[in-house]
């Protein structure tokens, strides 16, 4: 099976009302930030999705919403 992009996975899962969850590494790549930055985001309330295994997963839509709410605070 070929590797799917996030856009491909999103289109496949959208009809079921499911969003693909990102790993820390995928979130880092998406925003061009370091692991330290993602850890700081989590400390400051960035939403995590519960998993049945070790590791963190992020719903990109929820992260975007959280970041939009943080922007006014950081601009002040």
PDB file of N, CA and C in Angstrom:
ATOM      1  N   UNK A   1       0.846  -1.183   0.000  1.00  0.00           N
ATOM      2  CA  UNK A   1       0.000   0.000   0.000  1.00  0.00           C
ATOM      3  C   UNK A   1       0.885   1.237   0.000  1.00  0.00           C
ATOM      4  N   UNK A   2       0.534   2.190  -0.823  1.00  0.00           N
ATOM      5  CA  UNK A   2       1.304   3.424  -0.928  1.00  0.00           C
ATOM      6  C   UNK A   2       1.068   4.297   0.299  1.00  0.00           C
ATOM      7  N   UNK A   3       2.038   5.121   0.600  1.00  0.00           N
ATOM      8  CA  UNK A   3       1.916   6.054   1.710  1.00  0.00           C
ATOM      9  C   UNK A   3       0.873   7.112   1.365  1.00  0.00           C
ATOM     10  N   UNK A   4       0.010   7.406   2.318  1.00  0.00           N
ATOM     11  CA  UNK A   4      -1.028   8.410   2.113  1.00  0.00           C
ATOM     12  C   UNK A   4      -0.620   9.716   2.767  1.00  0.00           C
ATOM     13  N   UNK A   5      -0.983  10.795   2.121  1.00  0.00           N
ATOM     14  CA  UNK A   5      -0.757  12.098   2.715  1.00  0.00           C
ATOM     15  C   UNK A   5      -1.867  12.388   3.714  1.00  0.00           C
ATOM     16  N   UNK A   6      -1.679  13.418   4.509  1.00  0.00           N
ATOM     17  CA  UNK A   6      -2.715  13.818   5.459  1.00  0.00           C
ATOM     18  C   UNK A   6      -3.998  14.176   4.713  1.00  0.00           C
ATOM     19  N   UNK A   7      -3.864  14.842   3.579  1.00  0.00           N
ATOM     20  CA  UNK A   7      -5.048  15.206   2.794  1.00  0.00           C
ATOM     21  C   UNK A   7      -5.784  13.961   2.309  1.00  0.00           C
ATOM     22  N   UNK A   8      -5.033  12.949   1.867  1.00  0.00           N
ATOM     23  CA  UNK A   8      -5.656  11.691   1.428  1.00  0.00           C
ATOM     24  C   UNK A   8      -6.409  11.036   2.574  1.00  0.00           C
ATOM     25  N   UNK A   9      -5.759  10.940   3.727  1.00  0.00           N
ATOM     26  CA  UNK A   9      -6.386  10.309   4.894  1.00  0.00           C
ATOM     27  C   UNK A   9      -7.617  11.078   5.334  1.00  0.00           C
ATOM     28  N   UNK A  10      -7.555  12.403   5.277  1.00  0.00           N
ATOM     29  CA  UNK A  10      -8.690  13.230   5.670  1.00  0.00           C
ATOM     30  C   UNK A  10      -9.880  12.965   4.766  1.00  0.00           C
ATOM     31  N   UNK A  11      -9.647  12.885   3.461  1.00  0.00           N
ATOM     32  CA  UNK A  11     -10.735  12.642   2.514  1.00  0.00           C
ATOM     33  C   UNK A  11     -11.357  11.265   2.713  1.00  0.00           C
ATOM     34  N   UNK A  12     -10.553  10.276   3.057  1.00  0.00           N
ATOM     35  CA  UNK A  12     -11.063   8.927   3.286  1.00  0.00           C
ATOM     36  C   UNK A  12     -11.907   8.874   4.551  1.00  0.00           C
ATOM     37  N   UNK A  13     -11.450   9.550   5.605  1.00  0.00           N
ATOM     38  CA  UNK A  13     -12.117   9.476   6.901  1.00  0.00           C
ATOM     39  C   UNK A  13     -13.279  10.457   7.062  1.00  0.00           C
ATOM     40  N   UNK A  14     -13.307  11.518   6.266  1.00  0.00           N
ATOM     41  CA  UNK A  14     -14.330  12.569   6.409  1.00  0.00           C
ATOM     42  C   UNK A  14     -15.761  12.037   6.359  1.00  0.00           C
ATOM     43  N   UNK A  15     -16.109  11.134   5.420  1.00  0.00           N
ATOM     44  CA  UNK A  15     -17.497  10.646   5.376  1.00  0.00           C
ATOM     45  C   UNK A  15     -17.949   9.968   6.672  1.00  0.00           C
ATOM     46  N   UNK A  16     -17.017   9.405   7.409  1.00  0.00           N
ATOM     47  CA  UNK A  16     -17.355   8.745   8.665  1.00  0.00           C
ATOM     48  C   UNK A  16     -17.342   9.724   9.840  1.00  0.00           C
ATOM     49  N   UNK A  17     -17.007  10.988   9.571  1.00  0.00           N
ATOM     50  CA  UNK A  17     -16.960  11.986  10.634  1.00  0.00           C
ATOM     51  C   UNK A  17     -15.741  11.855  11.527  1.00  0.00           C
ATOM     52  N   UNK A  18     -14.676  11.278  10.974  1.00  0.00           N
ATOM     53  CA  UNK A  18     -13.458  11.054  11.748  1.00  0.00           C
ATOM     54  C   UNK A  18     -12.332  11.891  11.157  1.00  0.00           C
ATOM     55  N   UNK A  19     -11.536  12.498  12.023  1.00  0.00           N
ATOM     56  CA  UNK A  19     -10.361  13.238  11.574  1.00  0.00           C
ATOM     57  C   UNK A  19      -9.116  12.409  11.890  1.00  0.00           C
ATOM     58  N   UNK A  20      -8.153  12.377  10.979  1.00  0.00           N
ATOM     59  CA  UNK A  20      -6.932  11.641  11.286  1.00  0.00           C
ATOM     60  C   UNK A  20      -6.176  12.323  12.424  1.00  0.00           C
ATOM     61  N   UNK A  21      -5.579  11.521  13.272  1.00  0.00           N
ATOM     62  CA  UNK A  21      -4.814  12.058  14.398  1.00  0.00           C
ATOM     63  C   UNK A  21      -3.346  12.108  14.029  1.00  0.00           C
ATOM     64  N   UNK A  22      -2.689  13.183  14.432  1.00  0.00           N
ATOM     65  CA  UNK A  22      -1.280  13.377  14.127  1.00  0.00           C
ATOM     66  C   UNK A  22      -0.412  12.977  15.304  1.00  0.00           C
ATOM     67  N   UNK A  23       0.757  12.438  14.994  1.00  0.00           N
ATOM     68  CA  UNK A  23       1.754  12.179  16.025  1.00  0.00           C
ATOM     69  C   UNK A  23       2.474  13.487  16.333  1.00  0.00           C
ATOM     70  N   UNK A  24       3.291  13.482  17.355  1.00  0.00           N
ATOM     71  CA  UNK A  24       4.083  14.669  17.683  1.00  0.00           C
ATOM     72  C   UNK A  24       4.965  15.041  16.499  1.00  0.00           C
ATOM     73  N   UNK A  25       5.612  14.051  15.884  1.00  0.00           N
ATOM     74  CA  UNK A  25       6.496  14.317  14.744  1.00  0.00           C
ATOM     75  C   UNK A  25       5.730  14.929  13.571  1.00  0.00           C
ATOM     76  N   UNK A  26       4.524  14.452  13.326  1.00  0.00           N
ATOM     77  CA  UNK A  26       3.721  15.004  12.237  1.00  0.00           C
ATOM     78  C   UNK A  26       3.291  16.433  12.542  1.00  0.00           C
ATOM     79  N   UNK A  27       2.951  16.702  13.803  1.00  0.00           N
ATOM     80  CA  UNK A  27       2.579  18.065  14.193  1.00  0.00           C
ATOM     81  C   UNK A  27       3.789  18.995  14.070  1.00  0.00           C
ATOM     82  N   UNK A  28       4.960  18.507  14.474  1.00  0.00           N
ATOM     83  CA  UNK A  28       6.193  19.288  14.337  1.00  0.00           C
ATOM     84  C   UNK A  28       6.441  19.640  12.876  1.00  0.00           C
ATOM     85  N   UNK A  29       6.286  18.656  11.994  1.00  0.00           N
ATOM     86  CA  UNK A  29       6.510  18.891  10.564  1.00  0.00           C
ATOM     87  C   UNK A  29       5.471  19.843   9.992  1.00  0.00           C
ATOM     88  N   UNK A  30       4.247  19.710  10.434  1.00  0.00           N
ATOM     89  CA  UNK A  30       3.149  20.549   9.921  1.00  0.00           C
ATOM     90  C   UNK A  30       3.403  22.020  10.209  1.00  0.00           C
ATOM     91  N   UNK A  31       3.895  22.310  11.423  1.00  0.00           N
ATOM     92  CA  UNK A  31       4.099  23.702  11.824  1.00  0.00           C
ATOM     93  C   UNK A  31       5.560  24.142  11.771  1.00  0.00           C
ATOM     94  N   UNK A  32       6.463  23.234  11.445  1.00  0.00           N
ATOM     95  CA  UNK A  32       7.876  23.598  11.347  1.00  0.00           C
ATOM     96  C   UNK A  32       8.465  24.006  12.683  1.00  0.00           C
ATOM     97  N   UNK A  33       8.085  23.282  13.735  1.00  0.00           N
ATOM     98  CA  UNK A  33       8.572  23.603  15.078  1.00  0.00           C
ATOM     99  C   UNK A  33       9.310  22.402  15.668  1.00  0.00           C
ATOM    100  N   UNK A  34       9.936  22.613  16.800  1.00  0.00           N
ATOM    101  CA  UNK A  34      10.696  21.560  17.464  1.00  0.00           C
ATOM    102  C   UNK A  34       9.818  20.776  18.442  1.00  0.00           C
ATOM    103  N   UNK A  35      10.363  19.670  18.910  1.00  0.00           N
ATOM    104  CA  UNK A  35       9.684  18.871  19.926  1.00  0.00           C
ATOM    105  C   UNK A  35       9.478  19.705  21.189  1.00  0.00           C
ATOM    106  N   UNK A  36      10.445  20.519  21.537  1.00  0.00           N
ATOM    107  CA  UNK A  36      10.336  21.375  22.715  1.00  0.00           C
ATOM    108  C   UNK A  36       9.105  22.288  22.587  1.00  0.00           C
ATOM    109  N   UNK A  37       8.909  22.862  21.396  1.00  0.00           N
ATOM    110  CA  UNK A  37       7.778  23.752  21.184  1.00  0.00           C
ATOM    111  C   UNK A  37       6.461  23.015  21.369  1.00  0.00           C
ATOM    112  N   UNK A  38       6.346  21.821  20.797  1.00  0.00           N
ATOM    113  CA  UNK A  38       5.113  21.041  20.962  1.00  0.00           C
ATOM    114  C   UNK A  38       4.898  20.725  22.436  1.00  0.00           C
ATOM    115  N   UNK A  39       5.960  20.373  23.156  1.00  0.00           N
ATOM    116  CA  UNK A  39       5.829  20.105  24.595  1.00  0.00           C
ATOM    117  C   UNK A  39       5.331  21.346  25.335  1.00  0.00           C
ATOM    118  N   UNK A  40       5.816  22.506  24.961  1.00  0.00           N
ATOM    119  CA  UNK A  40       5.356  23.754  25.580  1.00  0.00           C
ATOM    120  C   UNK A  40       3.886  24.007  25.256  1.00  0.00           C
ATOM    121  N   UNK A  41       3.491  23.729  24.023  1.00  0.00           N
ATOM    122  CA  UNK A  41       2.084  23.880  23.653  1.00  0.00           C
ATOM    123  C   UNK A  41       1.210  23.000  24.542  1.00  0.00           C
ATOM    124  N   UNK A  42       1.638  21.758  24.727  1.00  0.00           N
ATOM    125  CA  UNK A  42       0.861  20.818  25.552  1.00  0.00           C
ATOM    126  C   UNK A  42       0.775  21.334  26.984  1.00  0.00           C
ATOM    127  N   UNK A  43       1.890  21.830  27.522  1.00  0.00           N
ATOM    128  CA  UNK A  43       1.884  22.388  28.882  1.00  0.00           C
ATOM    129  C   UNK A  43       0.908  23.551  28.992  1.00  0.00           C
ATOM    130  N   UNK A  44       0.761  24.304  27.890  1.00  0.00           N
ATOM    131  CA  UNK A  44      -0.107  25.484  27.881  1.00  0.00           C
ATOM    132  C   UNK A  44      -1.536  25.180  27.473  1.00  0.00           C
ATOM    133  N   UNK A  45      -1.861  23.887  27.302  1.00  0.00           N
ATOM    134  CA  UNK A  45      -3.254  23.524  27.058  1.00  0.00           C
ATOM    135  C   UNK A  45      -3.599  23.027  25.668  1.00  0.00           C
ATOM    136  N   UNK A  46      -2.619  22.813  24.813  1.00  0.00           N
ATOM    137  CA  UNK A  46      -2.905  22.287  23.478  1.00  0.00           C
ATOM    138  C   UNK A  46      -3.642  20.955  23.632  1.00  0.00           C
ATOM    139  N   UNK A  47      -4.761  20.788  22.935  1.00  0.00           N
ATOM    140  CA  UNK A  47      -5.578  19.581  23.129  1.00  0.00           C
ATOM    141  C   UNK A  47      -4.907  18.303  22.613  1.00  0.00           C
ATOM    142  N   UNK A  48      -4.990  17.279  23.440  1.00  0.00           N
ATOM    143  CA  UNK A  48      -4.504  15.939  23.099  1.00  0.00           C
ATOM    144  C   UNK A  48      -5.696  15.021  22.940  1.00  0.00           C
ATOM    145  N   UNK A  49      -5.544  14.014  22.127  1.00  0.00           N
ATOM    146  CA  UNK A  49      -6.584  13.010  21.977  1.00  0.00           C
ATOM    147  C   UNK A  49      -6.199  11.774  22.779  1.00  0.00           C
ATOM    148  N   UNK A  50      -7.134  11.207  23.515  1.00  0.00           N
ATOM    149  CA  UNK A  50      -6.826  10.012  24.302  1.00  0.00           C
ATOM    150  C   UNK A  50      -6.506   8.834  23.375  1.00  0.00           C
ATOM    151  N   UNK A  51      -5.543   8.037  23.781  1.00  0.00           N
ATOM    152  CA  UNK A  51      -5.173   6.848  23.013  1.00  0.00           C
ATOM    153  C   UNK A  51      -5.104   5.656  23.955  1.00  0.00           C
ATOM    154  N   UNK A  52      -5.175   4.477  23.369  1.00  0.00           N
ATOM    155  CA  UNK A  52      -5.083   3.244  24.159  1.00  0.00           C
ATOM    156  C   UNK A  52      -3.639   2.775  24.270  1.00  0.00           C
ATOM    157  N   UNK A  53      -2.714   3.584  23.810  1.00  0.00           N
ATOM    158  CA  UNK A  53      -1.310   3.204  23.808  1.00  0.00           C
ATOM    159  C   UNK A  53      -0.463   4.393  24.228  1.00  0.00           C
ATOM    160  N   UNK A  54       0.800   4.133  24.435  1.00  0.00           N
ATOM    161  CA  UNK A  54       1.716   5.197  24.830  1.00  0.00           C
ATOM    162  C   UNK A  54       1.951   6.134  23.652  1.00  0.00           C
ATOM    163  N   UNK A  55       2.062   7.381  23.920  1.00  0.00           N
ATOM    164  CA  UNK A  55       2.280   8.372  22.871  1.00  0.00           C
ATOM    165  C   UNK A  55       1.150   9.377  22.846  1.00  0.00           C
ATOM    166  N   UNK A  56       1.386  10.464  22.152  1.00  0.00           N
ATOM    167  CA  UNK A  56       0.384  11.522  22.069  1.00  0.00           C
ATOM    168  C   UNK A  56      -0.132  11.606  20.644  1.00  0.00           C
ATOM    169  N   UNK A  57      -1.386  11.960  20.526  1.00  0.00           N
ATOM    170  CA  UNK A  57      -1.993  12.169  19.225  1.00  0.00           C
ATOM    171  C   UNK A  57      -2.759  13.490  19.271  1.00  0.00           C
ATOM    172  N   UNK A  58      -2.767  14.173  18.147  1.00  0.00           N
ATOM    173  CA  UNK A  58      -3.375  15.487  18.052  1.00  0.00           C
ATOM    174  C   UNK A  58      -4.384  15.518  16.911  1.00  0.00           C
ATOM    175  N   UNK A  59      -5.541  16.100  17.170  1.00  0.00           N
ATOM    176  CA  UNK A  59      -6.543  16.348  16.138  1.00  0.00           C
ATOM    177  C   UNK A  59      -6.210  17.728  15.565  1.00  0.00           C
ATOM    178  N   UNK A  60      -5.854  17.783  14.292  1.00  0.00           N
ATOM    179  CA  UNK A  60      -5.395  19.025  13.685  1.00  0.00           C
ATOM    180  C   UNK A  60      -6.431  20.138  13.789  1.00  0.00           C
ATOM    181  N   UNK A  61      -7.706  19.815  13.616  1.00  0.00           N
ATOM    182  CA  UNK A  61      -8.747  20.846  13.728  1.00  0.00           C
ATOM    183  C   UNK A  61      -8.792  21.444  15.130  1.00  0.00           C
ATOM    184  N   UNK A  62      -8.675  20.593  16.140  1.00  0.00           N
ATOM    185  CA  UNK A  62      -8.686  21.099  17.523  1.00  0.00           C
ATOM    186  C   UNK A  62      -7.433  21.915  17.828  1.00  0.00           C
ATOM    187  N   UNK A  63      -6.300  21.497  17.281  1.00  0.00           N
ATOM    188  CA  UNK A  63      -5.059  22.256  17.484  1.00  0.00           C
ATOM    189  C   UNK A  63      -5.181  23.624  16.814  1.00  0.00           C
ATOM    190  N   UNK A  64      -5.722  23.659  15.602  1.00  0.00           N
ATOM    191  CA  UNK A  64      -5.918  24.942  14.906  1.00  0.00           C
ATOM    192  C   UNK A  64      -6.820  25.872  15.720  1.00  0.00           C
ATOM    193  N   UNK A  65      -7.929  25.330  16.237  1.00  0.00           N
ATOM    194  CA  UNK A  65      -8.843  26.139  17.055  1.00  0.00           C
ATOM    195  C   UNK A  65      -8.131  26.668  18.291  1.00  0.00           C
ATOM    196  N   UNK A  66      -7.360  25.803  18.955  1.00  0.00           N
ATOM    197  CA  UNK A  66      -6.629  26.203  20.152  1.00  0.00           C
ATOM    198  C   UNK A  66      -5.630  27.305  19.816  1.00  0.00           C
ATOM    199  N   UNK A  67      -4.920  27.135  18.698  1.00  0.00           N
ATOM    200  CA  UNK A  67      -3.917  28.133  18.309  1.00  0.00           C
ATOM    201  C   UNK A  67      -4.575  29.474  17.981  1.00  0.00           C
ATOM    202  N   UNK A  68      -5.743  29.433  17.348  1.00  0.00           N
ATOM    203  CA  UNK A  68      -6.453  30.681  17.027  1.00  0.00           C
ATOM    204  C   UNK A  68      -6.839  31.429  18.301  1.00  0.00           C
ATOM    205  N   UNK A  69      -7.193  30.686  19.338  1.00  0.00           N
ATOM    206  CA  UNK A  69      -7.550  31.316  20.615  1.00  0.00           C
ATOM    207  C   UNK A  69      -6.324  31.856  21.335  1.00  0.00           C
ATOM    208  N   UNK A  70      -5.155  31.262  21.070  1.00  0.00           N
ATOM    209  CA  UNK A  70      -3.914  31.716  21.719  1.00  0.00           C
ATOM    210  C   UNK A  70      -3.363  32.972  21.059  1.00  0.00           C
ATOM    211  N   UNK A  71      -3.616  33.166  19.779  1.00  0.00           N
ATOM    212  CA  UNK A  71      -3.042  34.276  19.025  1.00  0.00           C
ATOM    213  C   UNK A  71      -3.328  35.648  19.648  1.00  0.00           C
ATOM    214  N   UNK A  72      -4.579  35.944  20.045  1.00  0.00           N
ATOM    215  CA  UNK A  72      -4.820  37.252  20.661  1.00  0.00           C
ATOM    216  C   UNK A  72      -4.023  37.457  21.958  1.00  0.00           C
ATOM    217  N   UNK A  73      -3.864  36.404  22.730  1.00  0.00           N
ATOM    218  CA  UNK A  73      -3.132  36.517  23.988  1.00  0.00           C
ATOM    219  C   UNK A  73      -1.656  36.785  23.733  1.00  0.00           C
ATOM    220  N   UNK A  74      -1.074  36.135  22.729  1.00  0.00           N
ATOM    221  CA  UNK A  74       0.347  36.317  22.468  1.00  0.00           C
ATOM    222  C   UNK A  74       0.626  37.647  21.772  1.00  0.00           C
ATOM    223  N   UNK A  75      -0.382  38.225  21.106  1.00  0.00           N
ATOM    224  CA  UNK A  75      -0.191  39.508  20.407  1.00  0.00           C
ATOM    225  C   UNK A  75      -0.237  40.683  21.385  1.00  0.00           C
ATOM    226  N   UNK A  76      -0.850  40.475  22.543  1.00  0.00           N
ATOM    227  CA  UNK A  76      -1.003  41.576  23.501  1.00  0.00           C
ATOM    228  C   UNK A  76       0.265  41.907  24.224  1.00  0.00           C
TER     229      UNK A  76
END
